[in-house]
């Protein structure tokens, strides 16, 4: 799946990506908005920049996110 800027997401699971760090476990269950999907490289393994509600902006692995139906 390719994410697009402005889409609402949920971080629904811990990622197995090597760039996932222990502090990111606290993001599981959080909602946010895609701010920079890196669509120019169109790589499903690339990190995506997300503004998480109340947690700031972070770059997270795509496999940890799913789209929310708003």
PDB file of N, CA and C in Angstrom:
ATOM      1  N   UNK A   1       0.831  -1.172   0.000  1.00  0.00           N
ATOM      2  CA  UNK A   1       0.000   0.000   0.000  1.00  0.00           C
ATOM      3  C   UNK A   1       0.879   1.240   0.000  1.00  0.00           C
ATOM      4  N   UNK A   2       0.474   2.231  -0.770  1.00  0.00           N
ATOM      5  CA  UNK A   2       1.174   3.500  -0.794  1.00  0.00           C
ATOM      6  C   UNK A   2       0.330   4.528  -0.061  1.00  0.00           C
ATOM      7  N   UNK A   3       0.918   5.147   0.933  1.00  0.00           N
ATOM      8  CA  UNK A   3       0.214   6.168   1.693  1.00  0.00           C
ATOM      9  C   UNK A   3       0.313   7.510   0.985  1.00  0.00           C
ATOM     10  N   UNK A   4      -0.702   8.353   1.205  1.00  0.00           N
ATOM     11  CA  UNK A   4      -0.733   9.682   0.602  1.00  0.00           C
ATOM     12  C   UNK A   4      -0.842  10.730   1.702  1.00  0.00           C
ATOM     13  N   UNK A   5      -0.274  11.887   1.421  1.00  0.00           N
ATOM     14  CA  UNK A   5      -0.315  13.004   2.376  1.00  0.00           C
ATOM     15  C   UNK A   5      -1.762  13.296   2.785  1.00  0.00           C
ATOM     16  N   UNK A   6      -1.959  13.504   4.082  1.00  0.00           N
ATOM     17  CA  UNK A   6      -3.274  13.858   4.598  1.00  0.00           C
ATOM     18  C   UNK A   6      -4.134  12.687   5.032  1.00  0.00           C
ATOM     19  N   UNK A   7      -3.713  11.457   4.724  1.00  0.00           N
ATOM     20  CA  UNK A   7      -4.502  10.296   5.140  1.00  0.00           C
ATOM     21  C   UNK A   7      -4.378  10.079   6.643  1.00  0.00           C
ATOM     22  N   UNK A   8      -5.488   9.694   7.281  1.00  0.00           N
ATOM     23  CA  UNK A   8      -5.508   9.370   8.715  1.00  0.00           C
ATOM     24  C   UNK A   8      -5.083   7.912   8.880  1.00  0.00           C
ATOM     25  N   UNK A   9      -4.197   7.684   9.823  1.00  0.00           N
ATOM     26  CA  UNK A   9      -3.692   6.328  10.062  1.00  0.00           C
ATOM     27  C   UNK A   9      -3.752   5.991  11.544  1.00  0.00           C
ATOM     28  N   UNK A  10      -3.593   4.708  11.810  1.00  0.00           N
ATOM     29  CA  UNK A  10      -3.395   4.211  13.163  1.00  0.00           C
ATOM     30  C   UNK A  10      -2.111   3.404  13.161  1.00  0.00           C
ATOM     31  N   UNK A  11      -1.279   3.605  14.161  1.00  0.00           N
ATOM     32  CA  UNK A  11      -0.132   2.716  14.370  1.00  0.00           C
ATOM     33  C   UNK A  11      -0.716   1.529  15.124  1.00  0.00           C
ATOM     34  N   UNK A  12      -0.882   0.418  14.423  1.00  0.00           N
ATOM     35  CA  UNK A  12      -1.626  -0.693  15.012  1.00  0.00           C
ATOM     36  C   UNK A  12      -0.761  -1.842  15.494  1.00  0.00           C
ATOM     37  N   UNK A  13       0.524  -1.796  15.199  1.00  0.00           N
ATOM     38  CA  UNK A  13       1.388  -2.889  15.690  1.00  0.00           C
ATOM     39  C   UNK A  13       2.842  -2.439  15.707  1.00  0.00           C
ATOM     40  N   UNK A  14       3.615  -3.189  16.441  1.00  0.00           N
ATOM     41  CA  UNK A  14       5.071  -3.001  16.483  1.00  0.00           C
ATOM     42  C   UNK A  14       5.631  -3.474  15.148  1.00  0.00           C
ATOM     43  N   UNK A  15       6.632  -2.799  14.662  1.00  0.00           N
ATOM     44  CA  UNK A  15       7.252  -3.169  13.397  1.00  0.00           C
ATOM     45  C   UNK A  15       8.442  -4.094  13.631  1.00  0.00           C
ATOM     46  N   UNK A  16       8.692  -4.955  12.677  1.00  0.00           N
ATOM     47  CA  UNK A  16       9.883  -5.798  12.725  1.00  0.00           C
ATOM     48  C   UNK A  16      11.063  -5.126  12.024  1.00  0.00           C
ATOM     49  N   UNK A  17      10.834  -3.942  11.475  1.00  0.00           N
ATOM     50  CA  UNK A  17      11.866  -3.175  10.789  1.00  0.00           C
ATOM     51  C   UNK A  17      13.003  -2.861  11.766  1.00  0.00           C
ATOM     52  N   UNK A  18      14.229  -2.931  11.287  1.00  0.00           N
ATOM     53  CA  UNK A  18      15.396  -2.691  12.146  1.00  0.00           C
ATOM     54  C   UNK A  18      15.453  -1.253  12.665  1.00  0.00           C
ATOM     55  N   UNK A  19      14.734  -0.349  12.035  1.00  0.00           N
ATOM     56  CA  UNK A  19      14.742   1.043  12.482  1.00  0.00           C
ATOM     57  C   UNK A  19      13.710   1.318  13.583  1.00  0.00           C
ATOM     58  N   UNK A  20      12.884   0.332  13.906  1.00  0.00           N
ATOM     59  CA  UNK A  20      11.927   0.472  15.006  1.00  0.00           C
ATOM     60  C   UNK A  20      12.704   0.441  16.315  1.00  0.00           C
ATOM     61  N   UNK A  21      12.461   1.407  17.177  1.00  0.00           N
ATOM     62  CA  UNK A  21      13.149   1.461  18.461  1.00  0.00           C
ATOM     63  C   UNK A  21      12.147   1.229  19.591  1.00  0.00           C
ATOM     64  N   UNK A  22      12.649   0.820  20.740  1.00  0.00           N
ATOM     65  CA  UNK A  22      11.785   0.469  21.864  1.00  0.00           C
ATOM     66  C   UNK A  22      10.820   1.589  22.258  1.00  0.00           C
ATOM     67  N   UNK A  23      11.266   2.851  22.205  1.00  0.00           N
ATOM     68  CA  UNK A  23      10.386   3.949  22.598  1.00  0.00           C
ATOM     69  C   UNK A  23       9.160   4.050  21.681  1.00  0.00           C
ATOM     70  N   UNK A  24       9.270   3.518  20.468  1.00  0.00           N
ATOM     71  CA  UNK A  24       8.164   3.570  19.514  1.00  0.00           C
ATOM     72  C   UNK A  24       7.007   2.654  19.919  1.00  0.00           C
ATOM     73  N   UNK A  25       7.266   1.721  20.822  1.00  0.00           N
ATOM     74  CA  UNK A  25       6.192   0.845  21.297  1.00  0.00           C
ATOM     75  C   UNK A  25       5.040   1.664  21.887  1.00  0.00           C
ATOM     76  N   UNK A  26       5.355   2.832  22.437  1.00  0.00           N
ATOM     77  CA  UNK A  26       4.306   3.680  23.021  1.00  0.00           C
ATOM     78  C   UNK A  26       3.411   4.307  21.954  1.00  0.00           C
ATOM     79  N   UNK A  27       3.799   4.222  20.678  1.00  0.00           N
ATOM     80  CA  UNK A  27       2.992   4.772  19.591  1.00  0.00           C
ATOM     81  C   UNK A  27       1.894   3.811  19.145  1.00  0.00           C
ATOM     82  N   UNK A  28       2.007   2.540  19.504  1.00  0.00           N
ATOM     83  CA  UNK A  28       1.008   1.548  19.087  1.00  0.00           C
ATOM     84  C   UNK A  28      -0.345   1.958  19.679  1.00  0.00           C
ATOM     85  N   UNK A  29      -1.329   2.057  18.794  1.00  0.00           N
ATOM     86  CA  UNK A  29      -2.665   2.491  19.187  1.00  0.00           C
ATOM     87  C   UNK A  29      -2.911   3.968  18.912  1.00  0.00           C
ATOM     88  N   UNK A  30      -1.859   4.717  18.594  1.00  0.00           N
ATOM     89  CA  UNK A  30      -2.009   6.154  18.314  1.00  0.00           C
ATOM     90  C   UNK A  30      -2.535   6.385  16.899  1.00  0.00           C
ATOM     91  N   UNK A  31      -3.223   7.501  16.737  1.00  0.00           N
ATOM     92  CA  UNK A  31      -3.714   7.934  15.433  1.00  0.00           C
ATOM     93  C   UNK A  31      -2.906   9.142  14.989  1.00  0.00           C
ATOM     94  N   UNK A  32      -2.873   9.365  13.682  1.00  0.00           N
ATOM     95  CA  UNK A  32      -2.151  10.511  13.154  1.00  0.00           C
ATOM     96  C   UNK A  32      -2.466  10.753  11.699  1.00  0.00           C
ATOM     97  N   UNK A  33      -1.705  11.674  11.105  1.00  0.00           N
ATOM     98  CA  UNK A  33      -1.886  12.066   9.702  1.00  0.00           C
ATOM     99  C   UNK A  33      -0.553  11.919   8.988  1.00  0.00           C
ATOM    100  N   UNK A  34      -0.594  11.347   7.793  1.00  0.00           N
ATOM    101  CA  UNK A  34       0.605  11.239   6.954  1.00  0.00           C
ATOM    102  C   UNK A  34       0.994  12.646   6.520  1.00  0.00           C
ATOM    103  N   UNK A  35       2.231  13.052   6.811  1.00  0.00           N
ATOM    104  CA  UNK A  35       2.692  14.378   6.416  1.00  0.00           C
ATOM    105  C   UNK A  35       3.695  14.324   5.271  1.00  0.00           C
ATOM    106  N   UNK A  36       4.436  13.235   5.145  1.00  0.00           N
ATOM    107  CA  UNK A  36       5.396  13.092   4.053  1.00  0.00           C
ATOM    108  C   UNK A  36       5.507  11.617   3.694  1.00  0.00           C
ATOM    109  N   UNK A  37       4.772  11.206   2.657  1.00  0.00           N
ATOM    110  CA  UNK A  37       4.769   9.784   2.309  1.00  0.00           C
ATOM    111  C   UNK A  37       5.961   9.318   1.494  1.00  0.00           C
ATOM    112  N   UNK A  38       6.878  10.215   1.128  1.00  0.00           N
ATOM    113  CA  UNK A  38       8.014   9.845   0.270  1.00  0.00           C
ATOM    114  C   UNK A  38       7.542   9.134  -0.988  1.00  0.00           C
ATOM    115  N   UNK A  39       6.485   9.657  -1.574  1.00  0.00           N
ATOM    116  CA  UNK A  39       5.906   9.023  -2.771  1.00  0.00           C
ATOM    117  C   UNK A  39       6.827   9.112  -3.983  1.00  0.00           C
ATOM    118  N   UNK A  40       7.821   9.976  -3.933  1.00  0.00           N
ATOM    119  CA  UNK A  40       8.717  10.095  -5.073  1.00  0.00           C
ATOM    120  C   UNK A  40       9.582   8.853  -5.234  1.00  0.00           C
ATOM    121  N   UNK A  41       9.891   8.188  -4.113  1.00  0.00           N
ATOM    122  CA  UNK A  41      10.681   6.967  -4.239  1.00  0.00           C
ATOM    123  C   UNK A  41       9.794   5.733  -4.355  1.00  0.00           C
ATOM    124  N   UNK A  42       8.515   5.862  -3.956  1.00  0.00           N
ATOM    125  CA  UNK A  42       7.528   4.791  -4.112  1.00  0.00           C
ATOM    126  C   UNK A  42       8.041   3.441  -3.624  1.00  0.00           C
ATOM    127  N   UNK A  43       8.651   3.443  -2.466  1.00  0.00           N
ATOM    128  CA  UNK A  43       9.217   2.232  -1.885  1.00  0.00           C
ATOM    129  C   UNK A  43       8.376   1.824  -0.678  1.00  0.00           C
ATOM    130  N   UNK A  44       7.694   0.692  -0.739  1.00  0.00           N
ATOM    131  CA  UNK A  44       6.843   0.287   0.374  1.00  0.00           C
ATOM    132  C   UNK A  44       7.613   0.003   1.658  1.00  0.00           C
ATOM    133  N   UNK A  45       8.924  -0.140   1.578  1.00  0.00           N
ATOM    134  CA  UNK A  45       9.732  -0.376   2.769  1.00  0.00           C
ATOM    135  C   UNK A  45      10.283   0.918   3.371  1.00  0.00           C
ATOM    136  N   UNK A  46      10.053   2.050   2.692  1.00  0.00           N
ATOM    137  CA  UNK A  46      10.576   3.327   3.187  1.00  0.00           C
ATOM    138  C   UNK A  46       9.789   3.792   4.406  1.00  0.00           C
ATOM    139  N   UNK A  47      10.457   4.558   5.246  1.00  0.00           N
ATOM    140  CA  UNK A  47       9.784   5.143   6.395  1.00  0.00           C
ATOM    141  C   UNK A  47       8.880   6.280   5.913  1.00  0.00           C
ATOM    142  N   UNK A  48       7.805   6.495   6.645  1.00  0.00           N
ATOM    143  CA  UNK A  48       6.833   7.521   6.305  1.00  0.00           C
ATOM    144  C   UNK A  48       6.758   8.497   7.467  1.00  0.00           C
ATOM    145  N   UNK A  49       6.740   9.785   7.161  1.00  0.00           N
ATOM    146  CA  UNK A  49       6.621  10.790   8.212  1.00  0.00           C
ATOM    147  C   UNK A  49       5.154  10.961   8.587  1.00  0.00           C
ATOM    148  N   UNK A  50       4.891  10.861   9.890  1.00  0.00           N
ATOM    149  CA  UNK A  50       3.527  10.907  10.414  1.00  0.00           C
ATOM    150  C   UNK A  50       3.475  11.882  11.587  1.00  0.00           C
ATOM    151  N   UNK A  51       2.452  12.717  11.598  1.00  0.00           N
ATOM    152  CA  UNK A  51       2.196  13.577  12.744  1.00  0.00           C
ATOM    153  C   UNK A  51       1.193  12.844  13.627  1.00  0.00           C
ATOM    154  N   UNK A  52       1.676  12.328  14.761  1.00  0.00           N
ATOM    155  CA  UNK A  52       0.825  11.563  15.667  1.00  0.00           C
ATOM    156  C   UNK A  52       0.123  12.502  16.641  1.00  0.00           C
ATOM    157  N   UNK A  53      -1.157  12.277  16.845  1.00  0.00           N
ATOM    158  CA  UNK A  53      -1.952  13.106  17.747  1.00  0.00           C
ATOM    159  C   UNK A  53      -1.321  13.122  19.141  1.00  0.00           C
ATOM    160  N   UNK A  54      -0.871  14.289  19.575  1.00  0.00           N
ATOM    161  CA  UNK A  54      -0.311  14.455  20.905  1.00  0.00           C
ATOM    162  C   UNK A  54       1.090  13.906  21.109  1.00  0.00           C
ATOM    163  N   UNK A  55       1.719  13.386  20.059  1.00  0.00           N
ATOM    164  CA  UNK A  55       3.042  12.762  20.212  1.00  0.00           C
ATOM    165  C   UNK A  55       4.107  13.365  19.304  1.00  0.00           C
ATOM    166  N   UNK A  56       3.747  14.334  18.473  1.00  0.00           N
ATOM    167  CA  UNK A  56       4.722  14.950  17.572  1.00  0.00           C
ATOM    168  C   UNK A  56       4.822  14.230  16.245  1.00  0.00           C
ATOM    169  N   UNK A  57       5.831  14.603  15.482  1.00  0.00           N
ATOM    170  CA  UNK A  57       6.048  14.059  14.144  1.00  0.00           C
ATOM    171  C   UNK A  57       7.214  13.077  14.168  1.00  0.00           C
ATOM    172  N   UNK A  58       6.998  11.919  13.554  1.00  0.00           N
ATOM    173  CA  UNK A  58       8.000  10.842  13.570  1.00  0.00           C
ATOM    174  C   UNK A  58       8.030  10.148  12.210  1.00  0.00           C
ATOM    175  N   UNK A  59       9.145   9.492  11.925  1.00  0.00           N
ATOM    176  CA  UNK A  59       9.260   8.660  10.728  1.00  0.00           C
ATOM    177  C   UNK A  59       9.105   7.207  11.180  1.00  0.00           C
ATOM    178  N   UNK A  60       8.088   6.550  10.624  1.00  0.00           N
ATOM    179  CA  UNK A  60       7.764   5.188  11.053  1.00  0.00           C
ATOM    180  C   UNK A  60       7.688   4.246   9.860  1.00  0.00           C
ATOM    181  N   UNK A  61       7.955   2.956  10.095  1.00  0.00           N
ATOM    182  CA  UNK A  61       7.810   1.961   9.027  1.00  0.00           C
ATOM    183  C   UNK A  61       6.340   1.808   8.625  1.00  0.00           C
ATOM    184  N   UNK A  62       6.105   1.669   7.340  1.00  0.00           N
ATOM    185  CA  UNK A  62       4.747   1.550   6.819  1.00  0.00           C
ATOM    186  C   UNK A  62       4.029   0.314   7.332  1.00  0.00           C
ATOM    187  N   UNK A  63       4.772  -0.760   7.601  1.00  0.00           N
ATOM    188  CA  UNK A  63       4.127  -2.004   8.025  1.00  0.00           C
ATOM    189  C   UNK A  63       3.457  -1.892   9.391  1.00  0.00           C
ATOM    190  N   UNK A  64       3.781  -0.828  10.129  1.00  0.00           N
ATOM    191  CA  UNK A  64       3.188  -0.656  11.453  1.00  0.00           C
ATOM    192  C   UNK A  64       1.878   0.135  11.407  1.00  0.00           C
ATOM    193  N   UNK A  65       1.508   0.629  10.219  1.00  0.00           N
ATOM    194  CA  UNK A  65       0.352   1.520  10.098  1.00  0.00           C
ATOM    195  C   UNK A  65      -0.761   0.914   9.241  1.00  0.00           C
ATOM    196  N   UNK A  66      -1.990   1.395   9.513  1.00  0.00           N
ATOM    197  CA  UNK A  66      -3.120   1.074   8.648  1.00  0.00           C
ATOM    198  C   UNK A  66      -3.987   2.316   8.540  1.00  0.00           C
ATOM    199  N   UNK A  67      -4.702   2.406   7.427  1.00  0.00           N
ATOM    200  CA  UNK A  67      -5.583   3.544   7.190  1.00  0.00           C
ATOM    201  C   UNK A  67      -6.796   3.482   8.082  1.00  0.00           C
ATOM    202  N   UNK A  68      -7.261   4.644   8.522  1.00  0.00           N
ATOM    203  CA  UNK A  68      -8.495   4.740   9.281  1.00  0.00           C
ATOM    204  C   UNK A  68      -9.610   5.177   8.340  1.00  0.00           C
ATOM    205  N   UNK A  69     -10.792   4.687   8.568  1.00  0.00           N
ATOM    206  CA  UNK A  69     -11.957   5.119   7.809  1.00  0.00           C
ATOM    207  C   UNK A  69     -12.564   6.302   8.533  1.00  0.00           C
ATOM    208  N   UNK A  70     -12.397   7.484   7.963  1.00  0.00           N
ATOM    209  CA  UNK A  70     -12.978   8.687   8.574  1.00  0.00           C
ATOM    210  C   UNK A  70     -14.239   9.088   7.851  1.00  0.00           C
TER     211      UNK A  70
END
